[in-house]
Amino acid sequence: MSSWWNKTSASNFTRGLTSITGQLSSNLKDILTEASEENYDPTAELTRARQQIEDLDLRKQALMEECTSLKKQCDEVTMQKQAVEIKSDMLLAESRRVLEEKDVSL
């Protein structure tokens, strides 16, 4: 009686298992090498983060100053607009008065 598991099958299985083990070992070695090359430096990372925070704070301050300046300009333009509207209303009223006087005299 022949068995499905013979010497040839066992040999092929062993070669396949050896190949897979070798590939896993190689991949693991590559991963560990890559991880050790990165040299994560928490102090440098903290320094970079603090610098970014400082840069963002400076940008925020510049934008707030620009916003304040624009608000001041907007307020000035609003006041000028109101002055022009008052003057326009006064001129319109004067024009109507003059026209009414001319109508009455005719």
PDB file of N, CA and C in Angstrom:
ATOM      1  N   MET A   1       0.829  -1.152   0.000  1.00  0.00           N
ATOM      2  CA  MET A   1       0.000   0.000   0.000  1.00  0.00           C
ATOM      3  C   MET A   1       0.891   1.238   0.000  1.00  0.00           C
ATOM      4  N   SER A   2       0.582   2.190  -0.906  1.00  0.00           N
ATOM      5  CA  SER A   2       1.413   3.387  -0.989  1.00  0.00           C
ATOM      6  C   SER A   2       0.756   4.500  -0.194  1.00  0.00           C
ATOM      7  N   SER A   3       1.550   5.208   0.477  1.00  0.00           N
ATOM      8  CA  SER A   3       1.051   6.308   1.308  1.00  0.00           C
ATOM      9  C   SER A   3       1.190   7.617   0.541  1.00  0.00           C
ATOM     10  N   TRP A   4       0.266   8.526   0.768  1.00  0.00           N
ATOM     11  CA  TRP A   4       0.360   9.821   0.082  1.00  0.00           C
ATOM     12  C   TRP A   4       1.544  10.614   0.621  1.00  0.00           C
ATOM     13  N   TRP A   5       1.984  10.239   1.806  1.00  0.00           N
ATOM     14  CA  TRP A   5       3.126  10.914   2.415  1.00  0.00           C
ATOM     15  C   TRP A   5       4.337  10.022   2.278  1.00  0.00           C
ATOM     16  N   ASN A   6       5.098  10.265   1.251  1.00  0.00           N
ATOM     17  CA  ASN A   6       6.299   9.463   1.043  1.00  0.00           C
ATOM     18  C   ASN A   6       7.523  10.359   1.185  1.00  0.00           C
ATOM     19  N   LYS A   7       8.688   9.790   0.883  1.00  0.00           N
ATOM     20  CA  LYS A   7       9.941  10.533   1.050  1.00  0.00           C
ATOM     21  C   LYS A   7       9.982  11.768   0.154  1.00  0.00           C
ATOM     22  N   THR A   8       9.458  11.679  -1.049  1.00  0.00           N
ATOM     23  CA  THR A   8       9.466  12.812  -1.977  1.00  0.00           C
ATOM     24  C   THR A   8       8.589  13.934  -1.439  1.00  0.00           C
ATOM     25  N   SER A   9       7.423  13.572  -0.940  1.00  0.00           N
ATOM     26  CA  SER A   9       6.527  14.585  -0.374  1.00  0.00           C
ATOM     27  C   SER A   9       7.161  15.242   0.843  1.00  0.00           C
ATOM     28  N   ALA A  10       7.774  14.443   1.690  1.00  0.00           N
ATOM     29  CA  ALA A  10       8.419  14.972   2.885  1.00  0.00           C
ATOM     30  C   ALA A  10       9.567  15.894   2.506  1.00  0.00           C
ATOM     31  N   SER A  11      10.318  15.533   1.489  1.00  0.00           N
ATOM     32  CA  SER A  11      11.441  16.344   1.035  1.00  0.00           C
ATOM     33  C   SER A  11      10.957  17.682   0.465  1.00  0.00           C
ATOM     34  N   ASN A  12       9.893  17.620  -0.351  1.00  0.00           N
ATOM     35  CA  ASN A  12       9.328  18.854  -0.917  1.00  0.00           C
ATOM     36  C   ASN A  12       8.778  19.765   0.186  1.00  0.00           C
ATOM     37  N   PHE A  13       8.120  19.145   1.157  1.00  0.00           N
ATOM     38  CA  PHE A  13       7.567  19.904   2.266  1.00  0.00           C
ATOM     39  C   PHE A  13       8.685  20.587   3.053  1.00  0.00           C
ATOM     40  N   THR A  14       9.753  19.860   3.316  1.00  0.00           N
ATOM     41  CA  THR A  14      10.885  20.400   4.068  1.00  0.00           C
ATOM     42  C   THR A  14      11.526  21.560   3.315  1.00  0.00           C
ATOM     43  N   ARG A  15      11.703  21.404   1.990  1.00  0.00           N
ATOM     44  CA  ARG A  15      12.289  22.479   1.180  1.00  0.00           C
ATOM     45  C   ARG A  15      11.388  23.717   1.187  1.00  0.00           C
ATOM     46  N   GLY A  16      10.085  23.497   1.071  1.00  0.00           N
ATOM     47  CA  GLY A  16       9.146  24.622   1.092  1.00  0.00           C
ATOM     48  C   GLY A  16       9.162  25.349   2.423  1.00  0.00           C
ATOM     49  N   LEU A  17       9.174  24.551   3.496  1.00  0.00           N
ATOM     50  CA  LEU A  17       9.211  25.128   4.833  1.00  0.00           C
ATOM     51  C   LEU A  17      10.510  25.896   5.057  1.00  0.00           C
ATOM     52  N   THR A  18      11.609  25.365   4.590  1.00  0.00           N
ATOM     53  CA  THR A  18      12.902  26.036   4.710  1.00  0.00           C
ATOM     54  C   THR A  18      12.894  27.352   3.931  1.00  0.00           C
ATOM     55  N   SER A  19      12.298  27.327   2.753  1.00  0.00           N
ATOM     56  CA  SER A  19      12.222  28.537   1.928  1.00  0.00           C
ATOM     57  C   SER A  19      11.394  29.620   2.618  1.00  0.00           C
ATOM     58  N   ILE A  20      10.237  29.224   3.150  1.00  0.00           N
ATOM     59  CA  ILE A  20       9.372  30.186   3.844  1.00  0.00           C
ATOM     60  C   ILE A  20      10.078  30.740   5.076  1.00  0.00           C
ATOM     61  N   THR A  21      10.757  29.864   5.824  1.00  0.00           N
ATOM     62  CA  THR A  21      11.487  30.300   7.011  1.00  0.00           C
ATOM     63  C   THR A  21      12.573  31.297   6.629  1.00  0.00           C
ATOM     64  N   GLY A  22      13.273  31.034   5.542  1.00  0.00           N
ATOM     65  CA  GLY A  22      14.317  31.947   5.066  1.00  0.00           C
ATOM     66  C   GLY A  22      13.752  33.301   4.669  1.00  0.00           C
ATOM     67  N   GLN A  23      12.608  33.282   3.982  1.00  0.00           N
ATOM     68  CA  GLN A  23      11.983  34.545   3.573  1.00  0.00           C
ATOM     69  C   GLN A  23      11.540  35.359   4.788  1.00  0.00           C
ATOM     70  N   LEU A  24      10.925  34.668   5.750  1.00  0.00           N
ATOM     71  CA  LEU A  24      10.496  35.360   6.966  1.00  0.00           C
ATOM     72  C   LEU A  24      11.688  35.950   7.716  1.00  0.00           C
ATOM     73  N   SER A  25      12.745  35.179   7.807  1.00  0.00           N
ATOM     74  CA  SER A  25      13.944  35.638   8.491  1.00  0.00           C
ATOM     75  C   SER A  25      14.533  36.864   7.795  1.00  0.00           C
ATOM     76  N   SER A  26      14.576  36.824   6.480  1.00  0.00           N
ATOM     77  CA  SER A  26      15.108  37.944   5.704  1.00  0.00           C
ATOM     78  C   SER A  26      14.246  39.197   5.876  1.00  0.00           C
ATOM     79  N   ASN A  27      12.930  39.010   5.805  1.00  0.00           N
ATOM     80  CA  ASN A  27      12.022  40.149   5.979  1.00  0.00           C
ATOM     81  C   ASN A  27      12.133  40.745   7.381  1.00  0.00           C
ATOM     82  N   LEU A  28      12.218  39.891   8.384  1.00  0.00           N
ATOM     83  CA  LEU A  28      12.343  40.364   9.754  1.00  0.00           C
ATOM     84  C   LEU A  28      13.647  41.132   9.938  1.00  0.00           C
ATOM     85  N   LYS A  29      14.719  40.629   9.360  1.00  0.00           N
ATOM     86  CA  LYS A  29      16.018  41.303   9.438  1.00  0.00           C
ATOM     87  C   LYS A  29      15.931  42.688   8.790  1.00  0.00           C
ATOM     88  N   ASP A  30      15.282  42.779   7.624  1.00  0.00           N
ATOM     89  CA  ASP A  30      15.123  44.070   6.940  1.00  0.00           C
ATOM     90  C   ASP A  30      14.323  45.056   7.790  1.00  0.00           C
ATOM     91  N   ILE A  31      13.250  44.564   8.398  1.00  0.00           N
ATOM     92  CA  ILE A  31      12.404  45.426   9.231  1.00  0.00           C
ATOM     93  C   ILE A  31      13.178  45.938  10.437  1.00  0.00           C
ATOM     94  N   LEU A  32      13.902  45.062  11.096  1.00  0.00           N
ATOM     95  CA  LEU A  32      14.671  45.466  12.272  1.00  0.00           C
ATOM     96  C   LEU A  32      15.791  46.435  11.900  1.00  0.00           C
ATOM     97  N   THR A  33      16.433  46.209  10.773  1.00  0.00           N
ATOM     98  CA  THR A  33      17.493  47.109  10.318  1.00  0.00           C
ATOM     99  C   THR A  33      16.920  48.487  10.019  1.00  0.00           C
ATOM    100  N   GLU A  34      15.792  48.519   9.332  1.00  0.00           N
ATOM    101  CA  GLU A  34      15.146  49.785   8.986  1.00  0.00           C
ATOM    102  C   GLU A  34      14.725  50.537  10.242  1.00  0.00           C
ATOM    103  N   ALA A  35      14.187  49.821  11.214  1.00  0.00           N
ATOM    104  CA  ALA A  35      13.738  50.454  12.451  1.00  0.00           C
ATOM    105  C   ALA A  35      14.915  51.042  13.220  1.00  0.00           C
ATOM    106  N   SER A  36      16.043  50.343  13.238  1.00  0.00           N
ATOM    107  CA  SER A  36      17.197  50.844  13.982  1.00  0.00           C
ATOM    108  C   SER A  36      17.864  52.008  13.260  1.00  0.00           C
ATOM    109  N   GLU A  37      17.695  52.110  11.932  1.00  0.00           N
ATOM    110  CA  GLU A  37      18.286  53.210  11.176  1.00  0.00           C
ATOM    111  C   GLU A  37      17.519  54.514  11.382  1.00  0.00           C
ATOM    112  N   GLU A  38      16.245  54.443  11.726  1.00  0.00           N
ATOM    113  CA  GLU A  38      15.434  55.646  11.883  1.00  0.00           C
ATOM    114  C   GLU A  38      15.870  56.481  13.082  1.00  0.00           C
ATOM    115  N   ASN A  39      16.376  55.853  14.133  1.00  0.00           N
ATOM    116  CA  ASN A  39      16.878  56.554  15.315  1.00  0.00           C
ATOM    117  C   ASN A  39      15.927  57.657  15.770  1.00  0.00           C
ATOM    118  N   TYR A  40      14.774  57.284  16.195  1.00  0.00           N
ATOM    119  CA  TYR A  40      13.778  58.244  16.676  1.00  0.00           C
ATOM    120  C   TYR A  40      14.352  59.023  17.845  1.00  0.00           C
ATOM    121  N   ASP A  41      14.343  60.323  17.733  1.00  0.00           N
ATOM    122  CA  ASP A  41      14.894  61.193  18.767  1.00  0.00           C
ATOM    123  C   ASP A  41      13.769  62.059  19.337  1.00  0.00           C
ATOM    124  N   PRO A  42      13.236  61.680  20.497  1.00  0.00           N
ATOM    125  CA  PRO A  42      12.109  62.434  21.055  1.00  0.00           C
ATOM    126  C   PRO A  42      12.471  63.885  21.380  1.00  0.00           C
ATOM    127  N   THR A  43      13.716  64.145  21.755  1.00  0.00           N
ATOM    128  CA  THR A  43      14.127  65.516  22.064  1.00  0.00           C
ATOM    129  C   THR A  43      14.083  66.382  20.817  1.00  0.00           C
ATOM    130  N   ALA A  44      14.596  65.847  19.714  1.00  0.00           N
ATOM    131  CA  ALA A  44      14.565  66.591  18.448  1.00  0.00           C
ATOM    132  C   ALA A  44      13.126  66.784  17.981  1.00  0.00           C
ATOM    133  N   GLU A  45      12.314  65.770  18.164  1.00  0.00           N
ATOM    134  CA  GLU A  45      10.898  65.864  17.776  1.00  0.00           C
ATOM    135  C   GLU A  45      10.187  66.938  18.604  1.00  0.00           C
ATOM    136  N   LEU A  46      10.486  66.992  19.894  1.00  0.00           N
ATOM    137  CA  LEU A  46       9.901  68.011  20.767  1.00  0.00           C
ATOM    138  C   LEU A  46      10.367  69.409  20.361  1.00  0.00           C
ATOM    139  N   THR A  47      11.640  69.532  20.022  1.00  0.00           N
ATOM    140  CA  THR A  47      12.179  70.819  19.568  1.00  0.00           C
ATOM    141  C   THR A  47      11.483  71.276  18.297  1.00  0.00           C
ATOM    142  N   ARG A  48      11.285  70.352  17.347  1.00  0.00           N
ATOM    143  CA  ARG A  48      10.590  70.688  16.098  1.00  0.00           C
ATOM    144  C   ARG A  48       9.147  71.106  16.383  1.00  0.00           C
ATOM    145  N   ALA A  49       8.490  70.393  17.276  1.00  0.00           N
ATOM    146  CA  ALA A  49       7.099  70.720  17.614  1.00  0.00           C
ATOM    147  C   ALA A  49       7.014  72.099  18.267  1.00  0.00           C
ATOM    148  N   ARG A  50       7.941  72.400  19.157  1.00  0.00           N
ATOM    149  CA  ARG A  50       7.943  73.717  19.808  1.00  0.00           C
ATOM    150  C   ARG A  50       8.192  74.828  18.791  1.00  0.00           C
ATOM    151  N   GLN A  51       9.090  74.578  17.839  1.00  0.00           N
ATOM    152  CA  GLN A  51       9.368  75.570  16.797  1.00  0.00           C
ATOM    153  C   GLN A  51       8.126  75.805  15.935  1.00  0.00           C
ATOM    154  N   GLN A  52       7.421  74.728  15.617  1.00  0.00           N
ATOM    155  CA  GLN A  52       6.187  74.870  14.836  1.00  0.00           C
ATOM    156  C   GLN A  52       5.144  75.669  15.615  1.00  0.00           C
ATOM    157  N   ILE A  53       5.038  75.411  16.904  1.00  0.00           N
ATOM    158  CA  ILE A  53       4.093  76.157  17.743  1.00  0.00           C
ATOM    159  C   ILE A  53       4.465  77.637  17.761  1.00  0.00           C
ATOM    160  N   GLU A  54       5.750  77.921  17.913  1.00  0.00           N
ATOM    161  CA  GLU A  54       6.207  79.317  17.921  1.00  0.00           C
ATOM    162  C   GLU A  54       5.908  79.997  16.580  1.00  0.00           C
ATOM    163  N   ASP A  55       6.186  79.299  15.483  1.00  0.00           N
ATOM    164  CA  ASP A  55       5.897  79.846  14.150  1.00  0.00           C
ATOM    165  C   ASP A  55       4.403  80.125  13.985  1.00  0.00           C
ATOM    166  N   LEU A  56       3.578  79.194  14.441  1.00  0.00           N
ATOM    167  CA  LEU A  56       2.128  79.381  14.333  1.00  0.00           C
ATOM    168  C   LEU A  56       1.639  80.526  15.226  1.00  0.00           C
ATOM    169  N   ASP A  57       2.232  80.667  16.405  1.00  0.00           N
ATOM    170  CA  ASP A  57       1.862  81.780  17.279  1.00  0.00           C
ATOM    171  C   ASP A  57       2.209  83.121  16.632  1.00  0.00           C
ATOM    172  N   LEU A  58       3.388  83.195  15.994  1.00  0.00           N
ATOM    173  CA  LEU A  58       3.778  84.424  15.302  1.00  0.00           C
ATOM    174  C   LEU A  58       2.825  84.728  14.148  1.00  0.00           C
ATOM    175  N   ARG A  59       2.457  83.705  13.413  1.00  0.00           N
ATOM    176  CA  ARG A  59       1.526  83.877  12.287  1.00  0.00           C
ATOM    177  C   ARG A  59       0.158  84.334  12.808  1.00  0.00           C
ATOM    178  N   LYS A  60      -0.279  83.725  13.909  1.00  0.00           N
ATOM    179  CA  LYS A  60      -1.561  84.109  14.516  1.00  0.00           C
ATOM    180  C   LYS A  60      -1.529  85.573  14.937  1.00  0.00           C
ATOM    181  N   GLN A  61      -0.432  85.991  15.564  1.00  0.00           N
ATOM    182  CA  GLN A  61      -0.308  87.378  16.015  1.00  0.00           C
ATOM    183  C   GLN A  61      -0.345  88.331  14.824  1.00  0.00           C
ATOM    184  N   ALA A  62       0.358  87.983  13.741  1.00  0.00           N
ATOM    185  CA  ALA A  62       0.358  88.828  12.541  1.00  0.00           C
ATOM    186  C   ALA A  62      -1.048  88.933  11.954  1.00  0.00           C
ATOM    187  N   LEU A  63      -1.762  87.827  11.922  1.00  0.00           N
ATOM    188  CA  LEU A  63      -3.127  87.841  11.390  1.00  0.00           C
ATOM    189  C   LEU A  63      -4.071  88.651  12.280  1.00  0.00           C
ATOM    190  N   MET A  64      -3.881  88.566  13.579  1.00  0.00           N
ATOM    191  CA  MET A  64      -4.724  89.344  14.493  1.00  0.00           C
ATOM    192  C   MET A  64      -4.462  90.842  14.314  1.00  0.00           C
ATOM    193  N   GLU A  65      -3.191  91.216  14.131  1.00  0.00           N
ATOM    194  CA  GLU A  65      -2.857  92.621  13.899  1.00  0.00           C
ATOM    195  C   GLU A  65      -3.458  93.102  12.578  1.00  0.00           C
ATOM    196  N   GLU A  66      -3.377  92.263  11.560  1.00  0.00           N
ATOM    197  CA  GLU A  66      -3.967  92.608  10.267  1.00  0.00           C
ATOM    198  C   GLU A  66      -5.484  92.765  10.404  1.00  0.00           C
ATOM    199  N   CYS A  67      -6.101  91.880  11.147  1.00  0.00           N
ATOM    200  CA  CYS A  67      -7.553  91.946  11.370  1.00  0.00           C
ATOM    201  C   CYS A  67      -7.926  93.242  12.089  1.00  0.00           C
ATOM    202  N   THR A  68      -7.167  93.616  13.096  1.00  0.00           N
ATOM    203  CA  THR A  68      -7.419  94.856  13.830  1.00  0.00           C
ATOM    204  C   THR A  68      -7.287  96.065  12.909  1.00  0.00           C
ATOM    205  N   SER A  69      -6.249  96.057  12.087  1.00  0.00           N
ATOM    206  CA  SER A  69      -6.042  97.150  11.133  1.00  0.00           C
ATOM    207  C   SER A  69      -7.193  97.241  10.135  1.00  0.00           C
ATOM    208  N   LEU A  70      -7.618  96.106   9.624  1.00  0.00           N
ATOM    209  CA  LEU A  70      -8.729  96.095   8.668  1.00  0.00           C
ATOM    210  C   LEU A  70     -10.030  96.559   9.317  1.00  0.00           C
ATOM    211  N   LYS A  71     -10.237  96.181  10.571  1.00  0.00           N
ATOM    212  CA  LYS A  71     -11.442  96.627  11.279  1.00  0.00           C
ATOM    213  C   LYS A  71     -11.415  98.141  11.448  1.00  0.00           C
ATOM    214  N   LYS A  72     -10.248  98.688  11.776  1.00  0.00           N
ATOM    215  CA  LYS A  72     -10.116 100.136  11.924  1.00  0.00           C
ATOM    216  C   LYS A  72     -10.419 100.829  10.590  1.00  0.00           C
ATOM    217  N   GLN A  73      -9.865 100.300   9.503  1.00  0.00           N
ATOM    218  CA  GLN A  73     -10.134 100.869   8.174  1.00  0.00           C
ATOM    219  C   GLN A  73     -11.621 100.791   7.841  1.00  0.00           C
ATOM    220  N   CYS A  74     -12.230  99.673   8.163  1.00  0.00           N
ATOM    221  CA  CYS A  74     -13.661  99.486   7.905  1.00  0.00           C
ATOM    222  C   CYS A  74     -14.485 100.515   8.683  1.00  0.00           C
ATOM    223  N   ASP A  75     -14.122 100.742   9.945  1.00  0.00           N
ATOM    224  CA  ASP A  75     -14.833 101.731  10.760  1.00  0.00           C
ATOM    225  C   ASP A  75     -14.688 103.135  10.158  1.00  0.00           C
ATOM    226  N   GLU A  76     -13.473 103.462   9.695  1.00  0.00           N
ATOM    227  CA  GLU A  76     -13.243 104.771   9.085  1.00  0.00           C
ATOM    228  C   GLU A  76     -14.072 104.942   7.813  1.00  0.00           C
ATOM    229  N   VAL A  77     -14.101 103.914   6.976  1.00  0.00           N
ATOM    230  CA  VAL A  77     -14.879 103.980   5.736  1.00  0.00           C
ATOM    231  C   VAL A  77     -16.368 104.088   6.051  1.00  0.00           C
ATOM    232  N   THR A  78     -16.818 103.395   7.077  1.00  0.00           N
ATOM    233  CA  THR A  78     -18.223 103.476   7.483  1.00  0.00           C
ATOM    234  C   THR A  78     -18.573 104.897   7.918  1.00  0.00           C
ATOM    235  N   MET A  79     -17.679 105.521   8.679  1.00  0.00           N
ATOM    236  CA  MET A  79     -17.926 106.902   9.107  1.00  0.00           C
ATOM    237  C   MET A  79     -17.947 107.850   7.903  1.00  0.00           C
ATOM    238  N   GLN A  80     -17.032 107.650   6.954  1.00  0.00           N
ATOM    239  CA  GLN A  80     -17.015 108.479   5.745  1.00  0.00           C
ATOM    240  C   GLN A  80     -18.308 108.297   4.954  1.00  0.00           C
ATOM    241  N   LYS A  81     -18.761 107.062   4.866  1.00  0.00           N
ATOM    242  CA  LYS A  81     -20.008 106.774   4.147  1.00  0.00           C
ATOM    243  C   LYS A  81     -21.177 107.497   4.808  1.00  0.00           C
ATOM    244  N   GLN A  82     -21.231 107.439   6.125  1.00  0.00           N
ATOM    245  CA  GLN A  82     -22.315 108.111   6.846  1.00  0.00           C
ATOM    246  C   GLN A  82     -22.264 109.625   6.619  1.00  0.00           C
ATOM    247  N   ALA A  83     -21.058 110.184   6.610  1.00  0.00           N
ATOM    248  CA  ALA A  83     -20.919 111.629   6.366  1.00  0.00           C
ATOM    249  C   ALA A  83     -21.394 111.984   4.961  1.00  0.00           C
ATOM    250  N   VAL A  84     -21.046 111.148   3.980  1.00  0.00           N
ATOM    251  CA  VAL A  84     -21.484 111.385   2.598  1.00  0.00           C
ATOM    252  C   VAL A  84     -23.001 111.272   2.499  1.00  0.00           C
ATOM    253  N   GLU A  85     -23.587 110.300   3.189  1.00  0.00           N
ATOM    254  CA  GLU A  85     -25.049 110.144   3.161  1.00  0.00           C
ATOM    255  C   GLU A  85     -25.742 111.360   3.770  1.00  0.00           C
ATOM    256  N   ILE A  86     -25.203 111.867   4.866  1.00  0.00           N
ATOM    257  CA  ILE A  86     -25.788 113.057   5.503  1.00  0.00           C
ATOM    258  C   ILE A  86     -25.705 114.251   4.554  1.00  0.00           C
ATOM    259  N   LYS A  87     -24.516 114.432   3.954  1.00  0.00           N
ATOM    260  CA  LYS A  87     -24.340 115.538   3.010  1.00  0.00           C
ATOM    261  C   LYS A  87     -25.284 115.379   1.817  1.00  0.00           C
ATOM    262  N   SER A  88     -25.417 114.158   1.318  1.00  0.00           N
ATOM    263  CA  SER A  88     -26.310 113.882   0.186  1.00  0.00           C
ATOM    264  C   SER A  88     -27.757 114.203   0.551  1.00  0.00           C
ATOM    265  N   ASP A  89     -28.170 113.790   1.744  1.00  0.00           N
ATOM    266  CA  ASP A  89     -29.538 114.085   2.199  1.00  0.00           C
ATOM    267  C   ASP A  89     -29.768 115.595   2.307  1.00  0.00           C
ATOM    268  N   MET A  90     -28.751 116.291   2.808  1.00  0.00           N
ATOM    269  CA  MET A  90     -28.872 117.747   2.932  1.00  0.00           C
ATOM    270  C   MET A  90     -28.979 118.404   1.554  1.00  0.00           C
ATOM    271  N   LEU A  91     -28.144 117.967   0.601  1.00  0.00           N
ATOM    272  CA  LEU A  91     -28.194 118.520  -0.756  1.00  0.00           C
ATOM    273  C   LEU A  91     -29.526 118.209  -1.430  1.00  0.00           C
ATOM    274  N   LEU A  92     -30.036 117.006  -1.215  1.00  0.00           N
ATOM    275  CA  LEU A  92     -31.326 116.622  -1.791  1.00  0.00           C
ATOM    276  C   LEU A  92     -32.449 117.499  -1.219  1.00  0.00           C
ATOM    277  N   ALA A  93     -32.403 117.696   0.084  1.00  0.00           N
ATOM    278  CA  ALA A  93     -33.420 118.545   0.723  1.00  0.00           C
ATOM    279  C   ALA A  93     -33.331 119.979   0.196  1.00  0.00           C
ATOM    280  N   GLU A  94     -32.126 120.490   0.053  1.00  0.00           N
ATOM    281  CA  GLU A  94     -31.935 121.845  -0.481  1.00  0.00           C
ATOM    282  C   GLU A  94     -32.428 121.939  -1.916  1.00  0.00           C
ATOM    283  N   SER A  95     -32.142 120.917  -2.737  1.00  0.00           N
ATOM    284  CA  SER A  95     -32.603 120.905  -4.136  1.00  0.00           C
ATOM    285  C   SER A  95     -34.121 120.897  -4.193  1.00  0.00           C
ATOM    286  N   ARG A  96     -34.764 120.130  -3.347  1.00  0.00           N
ATOM    287  CA  ARG A  96     -36.235 120.075  -3.320  1.00  0.00           C
ATOM    288  C   ARG A  96     -36.819 121.429  -2.908  1.00  0.00           C
ATOM    289  N   ARG A  97     -36.180 122.045  -1.918  1.00  0.00           N
ATOM    290  CA  ARG A  97     -36.654 123.351  -1.453  1.00  0.00           C
ATOM    291  C   ARG A  97     -36.567 124.387  -2.576  1.00  0.00           C
ATOM    292  N   VAL A  98     -35.431 124.370  -3.303  1.00  0.00           N
ATOM    293  CA  VAL A  98     -35.252 125.316  -4.409  1.00  0.00           C
ATOM    294  C   VAL A  98     -36.285 125.059  -5.495  1.00  0.00           C
ATOM    295  N   LEU A  99     -36.528 123.784  -5.822  1.00  0.00           N
ATOM    296  CA  LEU A  99     -37.523 123.448  -6.850  1.00  0.00           C
ATOM    297  C   LEU A  99     -38.925 123.885  -6.430  1.00  0.00           C
ATOM    298  N   GLU A 100     -39.265 123.692  -5.167  1.00  0.00           N
ATOM    299  CA  GLU A 100     -40.582 124.106  -4.668  1.00  0.00           C
ATOM    300  C   GLU A 100     -40.743 125.633  -4.754  1.00  0.00           C
ATOM    301  N   GLU A 101     -39.670 126.344  -4.416  1.00  0.00           N
ATOM    302  CA  GLU A 101     -39.719 127.815  -4.502  1.00  0.00           C
ATOM    303  C   GLU A 101     -39.953 128.265  -5.940  1.00  0.00           C
ATOM    304  N   LYS A 102     -39.273 127.591  -6.898  1.00  0.00           N
ATOM    305  CA  LYS A 102     -39.438 127.939  -8.313  1.00  0.00           C
ATOM    306  C   LYS A 102     -40.849 127.603  -8.785  1.00  0.00           C
ATOM    307  N   ASP A 103     -41.367 126.457  -8.315  1.00  0.00           N
ATOM    308  CA  ASP A 103     -42.738 126.077  -8.693  1.00  0.00           C
ATOM    309  C   ASP A 103     -43.740 127.111  -8.177  1.00  0.00           C
ATOM    310  N   VAL A 104     -43.546 127.550  -6.953  1.00  0.00           N
ATOM    311  CA  VAL A 104     -44.459 128.515  -6.346  1.00  0.00           C
ATOM    312  C   VAL A 104     -44.377 129.854  -7.102  1.00  0.00           C
ATOM    313  N   SER A 105     -43.190 130.243  -7.477  1.00  0.00           N
ATOM    314  CA  SER A 105     -43.022 131.527  -8.164  1.00  0.00           C
ATOM    315  C   SER A 105     -43.555 131.494  -9.589  1.00  0.00           C
ATOM    316  N   LEU A 106     -43.659 130.319 -10.180  1.00  0.00           N
ATOM    317  CA  LEU A 106     -44.185 130.223 -11.549  1.00  0.00           C
ATOM    318  C   LEU A 106     -45.657 130.214 -11.483  1.00  0.00           C
TER     319      LEU A 106
END
